[in-house]
Protein backbone atom coordinates (compact mmCIF):
# COMPACT_ATOMS: atom_id res chain seq x y z
CA UNK A 1 15.45 -2.68 -15.56
CA UNK A 2 12.99 -0.16 -14.15
CA UNK A 3 12.72 -0.59 -10.33
CA UNK A 4 8.92 -0.58 -10.51
CA UNK A 5 8.95 -3.28 -13.16
CA UNK A 6 11.27 -5.36 -10.96
CA UNK A 7 8.85 -5.01 -8.04
CA UNK A 8 5.91 -6.14 -10.20
CA UNK A 9 7.81 -9.12 -11.60
CA UNK A 10 8.99 -10.14 -8.13
CA UNK A 11 5.46 -9.90 -6.75
CA UNK A 12 3.96 -11.95 -9.57
CA UNK A 13 6.63 -14.65 -9.20
CA UNK A 14 5.63 -15.09 -5.55
CA UNK A 15 1.95 -15.63 -6.35
CA UNK A 16 0.45 -19.10 -6.85
CA UNK A 17 0.08 -20.48 -10.37
CA UNK A 18 -3.71 -20.67 -10.18
CA UNK A 19 -4.20 -16.97 -9.36
CA UNK A 20 -6.82 -14.93 -11.21
CA UNK A 21 -6.28 -11.61 -12.94
CA UNK A 22 -8.48 -9.96 -10.31
CA UNK A 23 -6.20 -11.36 -7.60
CA UNK A 24 -3.10 -10.03 -9.38
CA UNK A 25 -4.68 -6.58 -9.70
CA UNK A 26 -5.60 -6.64 -6.01
CA UNK A 27 -2.07 -7.63 -4.95
CA UNK A 28 -0.58 -4.89 -7.14
CA UNK A 29 -2.99 -2.36 -5.61
CA UNK A 30 -2.00 -3.38 -2.07
CA UNK A 31 1.70 -3.25 -2.97
CA UNK A 32 1.25 0.26 -4.41
CA UNK A 33 -0.47 1.41 -1.22
CA UNK A 34 2.34 -0.04 0.93
CA UNK A 35 5.03 1.67 -1.18
CA UNK A 36 3.15 4.98 -0.93
CA UNK A 37 2.77 4.56 2.84
CA UNK A 38 6.51 3.97 3.24
CA UNK A 39 7.21 7.12 1.21
CA UNK A 40 4.76 9.12 3.34
CA UNK A 41 6.41 7.89 6.54
CA UNK A 42 9.88 8.74 5.22
CA UNK A 43 8.65 12.26 4.36
CA UNK A 44 7.05 12.73 7.78
CA UNK A 45 3.52 12.78 6.38
CA UNK A 46 1.96 10.96 9.31
CA UNK A 47 -0.49 11.59 12.15
CA UNK A 48 0.02 10.81 15.81
CA UNK A 49 -2.43 8.57 17.62
CA UNK A 50 -3.88 11.60 19.41
CA UNK A 51 -4.35 13.49 16.13
CA UNK A 52 -6.25 10.54 14.66
CA UNK A 53 -8.44 10.27 17.74
CA UNK A 54 -9.24 14.00 17.54
CA UNK A 55 -10.08 13.76 13.83
CA UNK A 56 -12.30 10.72 14.40
CA UNK A 57 -14.19 12.49 17.18
CA UNK A 58 -14.90 15.44 14.86
CA UNK A 59 -16.02 13.15 12.01
CA UNK A 60 -18.33 11.15 14.24
CA UNK A 61 -20.17 14.16 15.69
């Protein structure tokens, strides 16, 4: 079975029986973002705390 399909099935099995379609879509969205974040971290696509502070200062000027 496709690994992504297995992740989706596993996620849905963990959700309560009375969940709405909107809730399922939200949980899938969050799961996708977490998977992408793990990939970014593994590839070194991250910012240090200082870099984020510097960027925030520039944005807030």
